[in-house]
PDB file of N, CA and C in Angstrom:
ATOM      1  N   UNK A   1     100.861 133.008 150.548  1.00  0.00           N
ATOM      2  CA  UNK A   1     101.803 133.970 150.520  1.00  0.00           C
ATOM      3  C   UNK A   1     102.071 134.489 152.013  1.00  0.00           C
ATOM      4  N   UNK A   2     103.145 134.668 152.339  1.00  0.00           N
ATOM      5  CA  UNK A   2     103.518 135.197 153.729  1.00  0.00           C
ATOM      6  C   UNK A   2     104.548 136.253 153.606  1.00  0.00           C
ATOM      7  N   UNK A   3     104.093 137.425 154.055  1.00  0.00           N
ATOM      8  CA  UNK A   3     105.017 138.586 154.022  1.00  0.00           C
ATOM      9  C   UNK A   3     105.842 138.471 155.188  1.00  0.00           C
ATOM     10  N   UNK A   4     107.164 138.528 155.154  1.00  0.00           N
ATOM     11  CA  UNK A   4     108.151 138.601 156.161  1.00  0.00           C
ATOM     12  C   UNK A   4     108.769 139.872 156.193  1.00  0.00           C
ATOM     13  N   UNK A   5     109.027 140.544 155.410  1.00  0.00           N
ATOM     14  CA  UNK A   5     109.604 141.867 155.579  1.00  0.00           C
ATOM     15  C   UNK A   5     108.801 142.924 154.836  1.00  0.00           C
ATOM     16  N   UNK A   6     107.759 143.446 155.279  1.00  0.00           N
ATOM     17  CA  UNK A   6     107.137 144.485 154.768  1.00  0.00           C
ATOM     18  C   UNK A   6     107.997 145.848 154.473  1.00  0.00           C
ATOM     19  N   UNK A   7     107.373 146.480 153.459  1.00  0.00           N
ATOM     20  CA  UNK A   7     108.116 147.814 153.297  1.00  0.00           C
ATOM     21  C   UNK A   7     107.009 148.647 152.613  1.00  0.00           C
ATOM     22  N   UNK A   8     107.282 150.033 152.851  1.00  0.00           N
ATOM     23  CA  UNK A   8     106.339 151.087 152.216  1.00  0.00           C
ATOM     24  C   UNK A   8     107.270 152.137 151.702  1.00  0.00           C
ATOM     25  N   UNK A   9     106.916 152.585 150.571  1.00  0.00           N
ATOM     26  CA  UNK A   9     107.769 153.494 149.828  1.00  0.00           C
ATOM     27  C   UNK A   9     106.974 154.403 148.861  1.00  0.00           C
ATOM     28  N   UNK A  10     107.368 155.583 148.795  1.00  0.00           N
ATOM     29  CA  UNK A  10     106.763 156.342 147.628  1.00  0.00           C
ATOM     30  C   UNK A  10     107.655 156.513 146.547  1.00  0.00           C
ATOM     31  N   UNK A  11     108.689 155.831 146.518  1.00  0.00           N
ATOM     32  CA  UNK A  11     109.798 155.949 145.326  1.00  0.00           C
ATOM     33  C   UNK A  11     109.171 155.386 144.064  1.00  0.00           C
ATOM     34  N   UNK A  12     109.426 156.157 142.999  1.00  0.00           N
ATOM     35  CA  UNK A  12     108.844 155.543 141.779  1.00  0.00           C
ATOM     36  C   UNK A  12     109.669 154.426 141.087  1.00  0.00           C
ATOM     37  N   UNK A  13     110.816 154.224 141.670  1.00  0.00           N
ATOM     38  CA  UNK A  13     111.899 153.383 141.032  1.00  0.00           C
ATOM     39  C   UNK A  13     112.105 152.292 142.172  1.00  0.00           C
ATOM     40  N   UNK A  14     111.978 151.010 141.622  1.00  0.00           N
ATOM     41  CA  UNK A  14     112.138 149.835 142.579  1.00  0.00           C
ATOM     42  C   UNK A  14     113.547 149.497 142.829  1.00  0.00           C
ATOM     43  N   UNK A  15     114.408 149.946 142.043  1.00  0.00           N
ATOM     44  CA  UNK A  15     115.918 149.715 142.085  1.00  0.00           C
ATOM     45  C   UNK A  15     116.479 149.823 143.447  1.00  0.00           C
ATOM     46  N   UNK A  16     116.005 150.840 144.081  1.00  0.00           N
ATOM     47  CA  UNK A  16     116.542 151.327 145.434  1.00  0.00           C
ATOM     48  C   UNK A  16     115.996 150.449 146.586  1.00  0.00           C
ATOM     49  N   UNK A  17     114.974 149.482 146.186  1.00  0.00           N
ATOM     50  CA  UNK A  17     114.497 148.782 147.243  1.00  0.00           C
ATOM     51  C   UNK A  17     114.973 147.586 147.654  1.00  0.00           C
ATOM     52  N   UNK A  18     115.966 147.070 146.763  1.00  0.00           N
ATOM     53  CA  UNK A  18     116.455 145.630 147.049  1.00  0.00           C
ATOM     54  C   UNK A  18     117.404 145.722 148.142  1.00  0.00           C
ATOM     55  N   UNK A  19     118.241 146.635 148.255  1.00  0.00           N
ATOM     56  CA  UNK A  19     119.291 146.703 149.476  1.00  0.00           C
ATOM     57  C   UNK A  19     118.544 146.691 150.806  1.00  0.00           C
ATOM     58  N   UNK A  20     117.505 147.592 150.943  1.00  0.00           N
ATOM     59  CA  UNK A  20     116.781 147.570 152.327  1.00  0.00           C
ATOM     60  C   UNK A  20     115.967 146.386 152.608  1.00  0.00           C
ATOM     61  N   UNK A  21     115.571 145.754 151.596  1.00  0.00           N
ATOM     62  CA  UNK A  21     115.079 144.492 151.824  1.00  0.00           C
ATOM     63  C   UNK A  21     115.903 143.251 152.137  1.00  0.00           C
ATOM     64  N   UNK A  22     117.049 143.438 151.581  1.00  0.00           N
ATOM     65  CA  UNK A  22     118.062 142.268 151.869  1.00  0.00           C
ATOM     66  C   UNK A  22     118.485 142.440 153.415  1.00  0.00           C
ATOM     67  N   UNK A  23     118.601 143.607 153.762  1.00  0.00           N
ATOM     68  CA  UNK A  23     119.127 144.095 155.183  1.00  0.00           C
ATOM     69  C   UNK A  23     118.089 143.441 156.172  1.00  0.00           C
ATOM     70  N   UNK A  24     116.709 143.628 155.821  1.00  0.00           N
ATOM     71  CA  UNK A  24     115.698 143.101 156.572  1.00  0.00           C
ATOM     72  C   UNK A  24     115.639 141.793 156.611  1.00  0.00           C
ATOM     73  N   UNK A  25     115.824 141.103 155.417  1.00  0.00           N
ATOM     74  CA  UNK A  25     115.918 139.566 155.487  1.00  0.00           C
ATOM     75  C   UNK A  25     117.101 139.049 156.299  1.00  0.00           C
ATOM     76  N   UNK A  26     118.153 139.776 156.297  1.00  0.00           N
ATOM     77  CA  UNK A  26     119.381 139.154 156.926  1.00  0.00           C
ATOM     78  C   UNK A  26     119.055 139.325 158.485  1.00  0.00           C
ATOM     79  N   UNK A  27     118.271 140.254 158.764  1.00  0.00           N
ATOM     80  CA  UNK A  27     117.989 140.518 160.404  1.00  0.00           C
ATOM     81  C   UNK A  27     117.003 139.533 160.962  1.00  0.00           C
ATOM     82  N   UNK A  28     116.305 138.864 160.047  1.00  0.00           N
ATOM     83  CA  UNK A  28     115.209 137.721 160.545  1.00  0.00           C
ATOM     84  C   UNK A  28     115.811 136.658 161.415  1.00  0.00           C
ATOM     85  N   UNK A  29     115.027 136.000 162.266  1.00  0.00           N
ATOM     86  CA  UNK A  29     115.649 135.016 163.044  1.00  0.00           C
ATOM     87  C   UNK A  29     116.028 133.996 162.289  1.00  0.00           C
ATOM     88  N   UNK A  30     117.222 133.251 162.666  1.00  0.00           N
ATOM     89  CA  UNK A  30     117.745 132.101 161.850  1.00  0.00           C
ATOM     90  C   UNK A  30     116.684 131.038 161.832  1.00  0.00           C
ATOM     91  N   UNK A  31     115.760 130.781 162.703  1.00  0.00           N
ATOM     92  CA  UNK A  31     114.776 129.882 162.789  1.00  0.00           C
ATOM     93  C   UNK A  31     113.910 129.842 161.543  1.00  0.00           C
ATOM     94  N   UNK A  32     113.822 130.967 161.011  1.00  0.00           N
ATOM     95  CA  UNK A  32     113.008 131.280 159.759  1.00  0.00           C
ATOM     96  C   UNK A  32     113.669 130.595 158.550  1.00  0.00           C
ATOM     97  N   UNK A  33     115.032 130.738 158.461  1.00  0.00           N
ATOM     98  CA  UNK A  33     115.725 130.259 157.445  1.00  0.00           C
ATOM     99  C   UNK A  33     116.067 131.435 156.539  1.00  0.00           C
ATOM    100  N   UNK A  34     116.903 131.359 155.732  1.00  0.00           N
ATOM    101  CA  UNK A  34     117.144 132.445 154.694  1.00  0.00           C
ATOM    102  C   UNK A  34     116.839 132.007 153.250  1.00  0.00           C
ATOM    103  N   UNK A  35     116.357 133.075 152.488  1.00  0.00           N
ATOM    104  CA  UNK A  35     116.135 132.716 151.060  1.00  0.00           C
ATOM    105  C   UNK A  35     117.184 132.351 150.333  1.00  0.00           C
ATOM    106  N   UNK A  36     116.995 131.393 149.424  1.00  0.00           N
ATOM    107  CA  UNK A  36     117.999 130.891 148.476  1.00  0.00           C
ATOM    108  C   UNK A  36     117.996 131.668 147.152  1.00  0.00           C
ATOM    109  N   UNK A  37     117.036 132.224 146.700  1.00  0.00           N
ATOM    110  CA  UNK A  37     116.877 133.051 145.584  1.00  0.00           C
ATOM    111  C   UNK A  37     116.042 134.232 145.568  1.00  0.00           C
ATOM    112  N   UNK A  38     116.280 135.311 144.755  1.00  0.00           N
ATOM    113  CA  UNK A  38     115.545 136.362 144.777  1.00  0.00           C
ATOM    114  C   UNK A  38     115.062 136.541 143.339  1.00  0.00           C
ATOM    115  N   UNK A  39     113.689 136.535 143.200  1.00  0.00           N
ATOM    116  CA  UNK A  39     113.036 136.559 141.778  1.00  0.00           C
ATOM    117  C   UNK A  39     112.337 138.011 141.756  1.00  0.00           C
ATOM    118  N   UNK A  40     112.680 138.684 140.773  1.00  0.00           N
ATOM    119  CA  UNK A  40     112.026 140.083 140.605  1.00  0.00           C
ATOM    120  C   UNK A  40     111.904 140.607 139.197  1.00  0.00           C
ATOM    121  N   UNK A  41     111.185 141.599 138.954  1.00  0.00           N
ATOM    122  CA  UNK A  41     110.867 142.013 137.547  1.00  0.00           C
ATOM    123  C   UNK A  41     112.038 143.048 137.317  1.00  0.00           C
ATOM    124  N   UNK A  42     111.869 143.553 135.887  1.00  0.00           N
ATOM    125  CA  UNK A  42     112.894 144.519 135.482  1.00  0.00           C
ATOM    126  C   UNK A  42     113.099 145.765 136.349  1.00  0.00           C
ATOM    127  N   UNK A  43     112.010 146.356 137.050  1.00  0.00           N
ATOM    128  CA  UNK A  43     112.227 147.439 137.831  1.00  0.00           C
ATOM    129  C   UNK A  43     113.225 147.314 138.881  1.00  0.00           C
ATOM    130  N   UNK A  44     113.557 146.185 139.482  1.00  0.00           N
ATOM    131  CA  UNK A  44     114.460 145.913 140.348  1.00  0.00           C
ATOM    132  C   UNK A  44     115.832 145.747 139.871  1.00  0.00           C
ATOM    133  N   UNK A  45     116.076 145.595 138.488  1.00  0.00           N
ATOM    134  CA  UNK A  45     117.359 145.390 138.071  1.00  0.00           C
ATOM    135  C   UNK A  45     118.426 146.482 138.201  1.00  0.00           C
ATOM    136  N   UNK A  46     119.561 146.080 138.705  1.00  0.00           N
ATOM    137  CA  UNK A  46     120.843 146.738 138.495  1.00  0.00           C
ATOM    138  C   UNK A  46     121.987 145.744 138.855  1.00  0.00           C
ATOM    139  N   UNK A  47     123.176 146.131 138.304  1.00  0.00           N
ATOM    140  CA  UNK A  47     124.269 145.255 138.550  1.00  0.00           C
ATOM    141  C   UNK A  47     124.661 145.310 140.071  1.00  0.00           C
ATOM    142  N   UNK A  48     124.316 146.454 140.685  1.00  0.00           N
ATOM    143  CA  UNK A  48     124.582 146.562 142.205  1.00  0.00           C
ATOM    144  C   UNK A  48     123.621 145.656 142.930  1.00  0.00           C
ATOM    145  N   UNK A  49     122.410 145.492 142.658  1.00  0.00           N
ATOM    146  CA  UNK A  49     121.323 144.608 143.244  1.00  0.00           C
ATOM    147  C   UNK A  49     121.996 143.112 143.030  1.00  0.00           C
ATOM    148  N   UNK A  50     122.155 142.759 141.838  1.00  0.00           N
ATOM    149  CA  UNK A  50     122.971 141.518 141.608  1.00  0.00           C
ATOM    150  C   UNK A  50     123.973 141.207 142.547  1.00  0.00           C
ATOM    151  N   UNK A  51     124.848 142.140 142.634  1.00  0.00           N
ATOM    152  CA  UNK A  51     126.210 141.963 143.491  1.00  0.00           C
ATOM    153  C   UNK A  51     125.625 141.774 145.052  1.00  0.00           C
ATOM    154  N   UNK A  52     124.729 142.706 145.525  1.00  0.00           N
ATOM    155  CA  UNK A  52     124.259 142.727 146.742  1.00  0.00           C
ATOM    156  C   UNK A  52     123.674 141.247 147.187  1.00  0.00           C
ATOM    157  N   UNK A  53     122.764 140.754 146.286  1.00  0.00           N
ATOM    158  CA  UNK A  53     122.342 139.389 146.468  1.00  0.00           C
ATOM    159  C   UNK A  53     123.274 138.266 146.584  1.00  0.00           C
ATOM    160  N   UNK A  54     124.267 138.344 145.652  1.00  0.00           N
ATOM    161  CA  UNK A  54     125.381 137.366 145.771  1.00  0.00           C
ATOM    162  C   UNK A  54     126.055 137.441 147.003  1.00  0.00           C
ATOM    163  N   UNK A  55     126.371 138.818 147.494  1.00  0.00           N
ATOM    164  CA  UNK A  55     127.094 138.836 148.690  1.00  0.00           C
ATOM    165  C   UNK A  55     126.347 138.260 149.997  1.00  0.00           C
ATOM    166  N   UNK A  56     125.058 138.197 149.809  1.00  0.00           N
ATOM    167  CA  UNK A  56     124.361 137.549 151.008  1.00  0.00           C
ATOM    168  C   UNK A  56     123.966 136.090 150.822  1.00  0.00           C
ATOM    169  N   UNK A  57     124.681 135.559 149.684  1.00  0.00           N
ATOM    170  CA  UNK A  57     124.422 134.159 149.315  1.00  0.00           C
ATOM    171  C   UNK A  57     122.968 133.836 148.730  1.00  0.00           C
ATOM    172  N   UNK A  58     122.351 134.931 148.251  1.00  0.00           N
ATOM    173  CA  UNK A  58     121.021 134.738 147.619  1.00  0.00           C
ATOM    174  C   UNK A  58     121.275 134.653 146.043  1.00  0.00           C
ATOM    175  N   UNK A  59     120.764 133.694 145.582  1.00  0.00           N
ATOM    176  CA  UNK A  59     120.984 133.627 144.045  1.00  0.00           C
ATOM    177  C   UNK A  59     119.800 134.578 143.254  1.00  0.00           C
ATOM    178  N   UNK A  60     120.216 135.566 142.520  1.00  0.00           N
ATOM    179  CA  UNK A  60     119.472 136.590 141.979  1.00  0.00           C
ATOM    180  C   UNK A  60     118.884 136.093 140.519  1.00  0.00           C
ATOM    181  N   UNK A  61     117.677 136.287 140.418  1.00  0.00           N
ATOM    182  CA  UNK A  61     116.957 136.091 139.217  1.00  0.00           C
ATOM    183  C   UNK A  61     116.148 137.368 138.836  1.00  0.00           C
ATOM    184  N   UNK A  62     116.635 138.456 138.495  1.00  0.00           N
ATOM    185  CA  UNK A  62     116.236 139.743 138.197  1.00  0.00           C
ATOM    186  C   UNK A  62     116.203 139.913 136.786  1.00  0.00           C
ATOM    187  N   UNK A  63     114.963 140.079 136.201  1.00  0.00           N
ATOM    188  CA  UNK A  63     114.963 140.335 134.818  1.00  0.00           C
ATOM    189  C   UNK A  63     115.534 141.651 134.317  1.00  0.00           C
ATOM    190  N   UNK A  64     116.391 141.498 133.349  1.00  0.00           N
ATOM    191  CA  UNK A  64     117.340 142.619 132.898  1.00  0.00           C
ATOM    192  C   UNK A  64     116.473 143.539 131.974  1.00  0.00           C
ATOM    193  N   UNK A  65     115.574 142.985 131.102  1.00  0.00           N
ATOM    194  CA  UNK A  65     114.603 143.729 130.221  1.00  0.00           C
ATOM    195  C   UNK A  65     113.529 142.912 130.011  1.00  0.00           C
ATOM    196  N   UNK A  66     112.644 143.530 129.421  1.00  0.00           N
ATOM    197  CA  UNK A  66     111.337 142.901 129.004  1.00  0.00           C
ATOM    198  C   UNK A  66     111.568 141.954 127.803  1.00  0.00           C
ATOM    199  N   UNK A  67     111.030 140.671 128.087  1.00  0.00           N
ATOM    200  CA  UNK A  67     111.250 139.692 126.973  1.00  0.00           C
ATOM    201  C   UNK A  67     109.891 139.613 126.160  1.00  0.00           C
ATOM    202  N   UNK A  68     110.027 139.118 124.948  1.00  0.00           N
ATOM    203  CA  UNK A  68     108.961 139.167 124.114  1.00  0.00           C
ATOM    204  C   UNK A  68     107.817 138.110 124.830  1.00  0.00           C
ATOM    205  N   UNK A  69     106.686 138.176 124.454  1.00  0.00           N
ATOM    206  CA  UNK A  69     105.671 137.596 125.046  1.00  0.00           C
ATOM    207  C   UNK A  69     105.613 136.027 124.487  1.00  0.00           C
ATOM    208  N   UNK A  70     105.758 135.963 123.289  1.00  0.00           N
ATOM    209  CA  UNK A  70     105.683 134.650 122.574  1.00  0.00           C
ATOM    210  C   UNK A  70     106.936 134.194 121.801  1.00  0.00           C
ATOM    211  N   UNK A  71     108.039 134.033 122.492  1.00  0.00           N
ATOM    212  CA  UNK A  71     109.220 133.629 121.629  1.00  0.00           C
ATOM    213  C   UNK A  71     109.004 132.356 120.856  1.00  0.00           C
ATOM    214  N   UNK A  72     109.670 132.108 119.847  1.00  0.00           N
ATOM    215  CA  UNK A  72     109.512 130.845 119.037  1.00  0.00           C
ATOM    216  C   UNK A  72     110.244 129.673 119.849  1.00  0.00           C
ATOM    217  N   UNK A  73     109.988 128.568 119.251  1.00  0.00           N
ATOM    218  CA  UNK A  73     110.364 127.245 119.874  1.00  0.00           C
ATOM    219  C   UNK A  73     111.864 127.133 120.309  1.00  0.00           C
ATOM    220  N   UNK A  74     112.768 127.812 119.313  1.00  0.00           N
ATOM    221  CA  UNK A  74     114.151 127.735 119.419  1.00  0.00           C
ATOM    222  C   UNK A  74     114.571 128.410 120.826  1.00  0.00           C
ATOM    223  N   UNK A  75     113.835 129.437 121.006  1.00  0.00           N
ATOM    224  CA  UNK A  75     114.333 130.434 122.354  1.00  0.00           C
ATOM    225  C   UNK A  75     113.666 129.643 123.552  1.00  0.00           C
ATOM    226  N   UNK A  76     112.420 129.018 123.290  1.00  0.00           N
ATOM    227  CA  UNK A  76     111.685 128.414 124.498  1.00  0.00           C
ATOM    228  C   UNK A  76     112.357 127.083 124.980  1.00  0.00           C
ATOM    229  N   UNK A  77     112.828 126.338 123.923  1.00  0.00           N
ATOM    230  CA  UNK A  77     113.403 124.848 124.342  1.00  0.00           C
ATOM    231  C   UNK A  77     114.635 124.570 124.118  1.00  0.00           C
ATOM    232  N   UNK A  78     115.514 125.451 124.000  1.00  0.00           N
ATOM    233  CA  UNK A  78     116.958 125.418 123.879  1.00  0.00           C
ATOM    234  C   UNK A  78     117.617 126.176 124.952  1.00  0.00           C
ATOM    235  N   UNK A  79     118.897 125.635 125.288  1.00  0.00           N
ATOM    236  CA  UNK A  79     119.824 126.242 126.317  1.00  0.00           C
ATOM    237  C   UNK A  79     120.549 127.457 125.587  1.00  0.00           C
ATOM    238  N   UNK A  80     120.857 128.490 126.199  1.00  0.00           N
ATOM    239  CA  UNK A  80     121.892 129.368 125.570  1.00  0.00           C
ATOM    240  C   UNK A  80     123.205 129.025 125.470  1.00  0.00           C
ATOM    241  N   UNK A  81     123.961 129.793 124.636  1.00  0.00           N
ATOM    242  CA  UNK A  81     125.451 129.433 124.460  1.00  0.00           C
ATOM    243  C   UNK A  81     126.133 129.465 125.672  1.00  0.00           C
ATOM    244  N   UNK A  82     127.284 128.824 125.720  1.00  0.00           N
ATOM    245  CA  UNK A  82     128.149 128.855 126.916  1.00  0.00           C
ATOM    246  C   UNK A  82     128.468 130.170 127.484  1.00  0.00           C
ATOM    247  N   UNK A  83     128.486 130.399 128.903  1.00  0.00           N
ATOM    248  CA  UNK A  83     128.941 131.650 129.347  1.00  0.00           C
ATOM    249  C   UNK A  83     130.473 131.793 129.321  1.00  0.00           C
ATOM    250  N   UNK A  84     130.902 133.001 129.013  1.00  0.00           N
ATOM    251  CA  UNK A  84     132.267 133.336 128.872  1.00  0.00           C
ATOM    252  C   UNK A  84     132.796 133.098 130.344  1.00  0.00           C
ATOM    253  N   UNK A  85     134.194 132.645 130.329  1.00  0.00           N
ATOM    254  CA  UNK A  85     134.633 132.642 131.748  1.00  0.00           C
ATOM    255  C   UNK A  85     134.934 133.918 132.363  1.00  0.00           C
ATOM    256  N   UNK A  86     134.991 135.062 131.777  1.00  0.00           N
ATOM    257  CA  UNK A  86     135.242 136.323 132.380  1.00  0.00           C
ATOM    258  C   UNK A  86     133.966 137.069 132.517  1.00  0.00           C
ATOM    259  N   UNK A  87     132.850 136.309 132.562  1.00  0.00           N
ATOM    260  CA  UNK A  87     131.573 136.913 132.694  1.00  0.00           C
ATOM    261  C   UNK A  87     131.412 137.685 134.022  1.00  0.00           C
ATOM    262  N   UNK A  88     130.744 138.793 134.052  1.00  0.00           N
ATOM    263  CA  UNK A  88     130.339 139.546 135.346  1.00  0.00           C
ATOM    264  C   UNK A  88     129.109 138.940 135.993  1.00  0.00           C
ATOM    265  N   UNK A  89     128.913 139.094 137.289  1.00  0.00           N
ATOM    266  CA  UNK A  89     127.872 138.597 137.895  1.00  0.00           C
ATOM    267  C   UNK A  89     126.562 138.911 137.257  1.00  0.00           C
ATOM    268  N   UNK A  90     126.407 140.107 136.757  1.00  0.00           N
ATOM    269  CA  UNK A  90     125.159 140.528 136.090  1.00  0.00           C
ATOM    270  C   UNK A  90     124.986 139.724 134.700  1.00  0.00           C
ATOM    271  N   UNK A  91     126.237 139.451 134.015  1.00  0.00           N
ATOM    272  CA  UNK A  91     126.018 138.644 132.790  1.00  0.00           C
ATOM    273  C   UNK A  91     125.708 137.234 133.102  1.00  0.00           C
ATOM    274  N   UNK A  92     126.317 136.706 134.095  1.00  0.00           N
ATOM    275  CA  UNK A  92     125.970 135.285 134.592  1.00  0.00           C
ATOM    276  C   UNK A  92     124.594 135.187 134.968  1.00  0.00           C
ATOM    277  N   UNK A  93     123.963 136.108 135.709  1.00  0.00           N
ATOM    278  CA  UNK A  93     122.592 136.068 136.073  1.00  0.00           C
ATOM    279  C   UNK A  93     121.752 136.169 134.689  1.00  0.00           C
ATOM    280  N   UNK A  94     122.042 137.084 133.749  1.00  0.00           N
ATOM    281  CA  UNK A  94     121.349 137.208 132.612  1.00  0.00           C
ATOM    282  C   UNK A  94     121.286 135.852 131.665  1.00  0.00           C
ATOM    283  N   UNK A  95     122.506 135.140 131.937  1.00  0.00           N
ATOM    284  CA  UNK A  95     122.627 133.884 131.159  1.00  0.00           C
ATOM    285  C   UNK A  95     121.696 132.753 131.904  1.00  0.00           C
ATOM    286  N   UNK A  96     121.743 132.935 133.049  1.00  0.00           N
ATOM    287  CA  UNK A  96     120.993 131.928 133.970  1.00  0.00           C
ATOM    288  C   UNK A  96     119.386 132.174 133.546  1.00  0.00           C
ATOM    289  N   UNK A  97     119.119 133.248 133.402  1.00  0.00           N
ATOM    290  CA  UNK A  97     117.598 133.522 133.294  1.00  0.00           C
ATOM    291  C   UNK A  97     117.259 133.101 131.898  1.00  0.00           C
ATOM    292  N   UNK A  98     118.191 132.754 131.097  1.00  0.00           N
ATOM    293  CA  UNK A  98     117.799 132.350 129.709  1.00  0.00           C
ATOM    294  C   UNK A  98     117.916 130.617 129.680  1.00  0.00           C
ATOM    295  N   UNK A  99     118.386 130.033 130.652  1.00  0.00           N
ATOM    296  CA  UNK A  99     118.328 128.571 130.653  1.00  0.00           C
ATOM    297  C   UNK A  99     117.004 128.017 131.046  1.00  0.00           C
ATOM    298  N   UNK A 100     116.672 126.827 130.677  1.00  0.00           N
ATOM    299  CA  UNK A 100     115.265 126.204 131.066  1.00  0.00           C
ATOM    300  C   UNK A 100     115.055 126.268 132.546  1.00  0.00           C
ATOM    301  N   UNK A 101     116.133 126.033 133.363  1.00  0.00           N
ATOM    302  CA  UNK A 101     115.916 126.051 134.799  1.00  0.00           C
ATOM    303  C   UNK A 101     115.439 127.552 135.244  1.00  0.00           C
ATOM    304  N   UNK A 102     116.303 128.514 134.687  1.00  0.00           N
ATOM    305  CA  UNK A 102     116.004 129.808 134.988  1.00  0.00           C
ATOM    306  C   UNK A 102     114.670 130.344 134.498  1.00  0.00           C
ATOM    307  N   UNK A 103     114.167 130.055 133.294  1.00  0.00           N
ATOM    308  CA  UNK A 103     112.938 130.477 132.880  1.00  0.00           C
ATOM    309  C   UNK A 103     111.888 129.923 133.585  1.00  0.00           C
ATOM    310  N   UNK A 104     112.133 128.496 134.097  1.00  0.00           N
ATOM    311  CA  UNK A 104     111.092 127.957 134.730  1.00  0.00           C
ATOM    312  C   UNK A 104     110.830 128.665 136.125  1.00  0.00           C
ATOM    313  N   UNK A 105     111.892 129.019 136.999  1.00  0.00           N
ATOM    314  CA  UNK A 105     111.853 129.617 138.055  1.00  0.00           C
ATOM    315  C   UNK A 105     111.220 130.914 138.000  1.00  0.00           C
ATOM    316  N   UNK A 106     111.605 131.783 137.040  1.00  0.00           N
ATOM    317  CA  UNK A 106     111.204 133.155 136.891  1.00  0.00           C
ATOM    318  C   UNK A 106     109.694 132.958 136.473  1.00  0.00           C
ATOM    319  N   UNK A 107     109.129 132.067 135.749  1.00  0.00           N
ATOM    320  CA  UNK A 107     107.853 131.865 135.560  1.00  0.00           C
ATOM    321  C   UNK A 107     106.964 131.723 136.756  1.00  0.00           C
ATOM    322  N   UNK A 108     107.413 131.250 137.726  1.00  0.00           N
ATOM    323  CA  UNK A 108     106.704 131.247 138.946  1.00  0.00           C
ATOM    324  C   UNK A 108     106.403 132.643 139.298  1.00  0.00           C
ATOM    325  N   UNK A 109     107.255 133.629 139.199  1.00  0.00           N
ATOM    326  CA  UNK A 109     107.027 135.116 139.624  1.00  0.00           C
ATOM    327  C   UNK A 109     105.905 135.691 138.762  1.00  0.00           C
ATOM    328  N   UNK A 110     105.873 135.151 137.412  1.00  0.00           N
ATOM    329  CA  UNK A 110     104.787 135.606 136.573  1.00  0.00           C
ATOM    330  C   UNK A 110     103.402 135.198 136.747  1.00  0.00           C
ATOM    331  N   UNK A 111     103.345 134.055 137.462  1.00  0.00           N
ATOM    332  CA  UNK A 111     102.010 133.368 137.858  1.00  0.00           C
ATOM    333  C   UNK A 111     101.718 133.608 139.200  1.00  0.00           C
ATOM    334  N   UNK A 112     102.454 134.320 139.852  1.00  0.00           N
ATOM    335  CA  UNK A 112     102.119 134.474 141.419  1.00  0.00           C
ATOM    336  C   UNK A 112     101.334 135.880 141.442  1.00  0.00           C
ATOM    337  N   UNK A 113     100.249 135.944 142.094  1.00  0.00           N
ATOM    338  CA  UNK A 113      99.454 137.179 142.063  1.00  0.00           C
ATOM    339  C   UNK A 113     100.030 138.118 143.214  1.00  0.00           C
ATOM    340  N   UNK A 114     100.383 139.315 142.915  1.00  0.00           N
ATOM    341  CA  UNK A 114     100.982 140.163 143.950  1.00  0.00           C
ATOM    342  C   UNK A 114      99.878 140.822 144.821  1.00  0.00           C
ATOM    343  N   UNK A 115     100.027 140.692 146.097  1.00  0.00           N
ATOM    344  CA  UNK A 115      98.905 141.210 146.885  1.00  0.00           C
ATOM    345  C   UNK A 115      98.711 142.611 146.847  1.00  0.00           C
ATOM    346  N   UNK A 116      97.723 143.254 146.798  1.00  0.00           N
ATOM    347  CA  UNK A 116      97.371 144.701 146.769  1.00  0.00           C
ATOM    348  C   UNK A 116      97.206 145.143 148.070  1.00  0.00           C
ATOM    349  N   UNK A 117      97.893 146.127 148.540  1.00  0.00           N
ATOM    350  CA  UNK A 117      97.885 146.853 149.736  1.00  0.00           C
ATOM    351  C   UNK A 117      97.881 148.314 149.690  1.00  0.00           C
ATOM    352  N   UNK A 118      96.971 148.892 150.319  1.00  0.00           N
ATOM    353  CA  UNK A 118      96.939 150.295 150.319  1.00  0.00           C
ATOM    354  C   UNK A 118      97.081 150.863 151.742  1.00  0.00           C
ATOM    355  N   UNK A 119      97.843 151.745 152.057  1.00  0.00           N
ATOM    356  CA  UNK A 119      97.879 152.251 153.246  1.00  0.00           C
ATOM    357  C   UNK A 119      97.599 153.696 153.443  1.00  0.00           C
ATOM    358  N   UNK A 120      96.753 153.981 154.555  1.00  0.00           N
ATOM    359  CA  UNK A 120      96.160 155.374 154.646  1.00  0.00           C
ATOM    360  C   UNK A 120      96.651 156.066 155.936  1.00  0.00           C
ATOM    361  N   UNK A 121      96.906 157.279 156.019  1.00  0.00           N
ATOM    362  CA  UNK A 121      97.100 158.056 157.376  1.00  0.00           C
ATOM    363  C   UNK A 121      95.921 157.862 158.193  1.00  0.00           C
ATOM    364  N   UNK A 122      94.638 157.933 157.729  1.00  0.00           N
ATOM    365  CA  UNK A 122      93.410 157.673 158.520  1.00  0.00           C
ATOM    366  C   UNK A 122      92.631 156.966 157.848  1.00  0.00           C
ATOM    367  N   UNK A 123      91.605 156.388 158.453  1.00  0.00           N
ATOM    368  CA  UNK A 123      90.502 155.428 157.744  1.00  0.00           C
ATOM    369  C   UNK A 123      89.207 155.893 158.682  1.00  0.00           C
ATOM    370  N   UNK A 124      88.366 155.767 157.849  1.00  0.00           N
ATOM    371  CA  UNK A 124      86.954 155.725 158.409  1.00  0.00           C
ATOM    372  C   UNK A 124      86.512 154.668 159.216  1.00  0.00           C
ATOM    373  N   UNK A 125      87.373 153.591 159.114  1.00  0.00           N
ATOM    374  CA  UNK A 125      86.996 152.410 159.930  1.00  0.00           C
ATOM    375  C   UNK A 125      87.854 152.310 161.037  1.00  0.00           C
ATOM    376  N   UNK A 126      88.757 153.245 161.288  1.00  0.00           N
ATOM    377  CA  UNK A 126      89.529 153.165 162.493  1.00  0.00           C
ATOM    378  C   UNK A 126      88.699 153.212 163.826  1.00  0.00           C
ATOM    379  N   UNK A 127      89.231 152.461 164.945  1.00  0.00           N
ATOM    380  CA  UNK A 127      88.417 152.413 166.013  1.00  0.00           C
ATOM    381  C   UNK A 127      88.769 153.677 166.989  1.00  0.00           C
TER     382      UNK A 127
END
């Protein structure tokens, strides 16, 4: 893993963290490239965050709600019904998460270990 835009917050709600991170990502040197997708858990979901990702050309895959842990074969191996033509960006993303490709991409988030990082104002090991 490589951290390219670190952030520290005391906010108990992750929903407000997406826009600042998108701004930091946009400010990175072009030589690093830009992300093509953002995968996040339900704590980061809001229609505003979906819209913000799309405005920056980033394909959002943000879980809308907690899914059951052991869905039946029909849910795991079939594609969802067609998306209505007048769907909102949030509805389109929700639909995308239900597709085989969307489930496969989101599964990568579930198997990636999140690094644990603690920050202290002072440390007994500080020089």
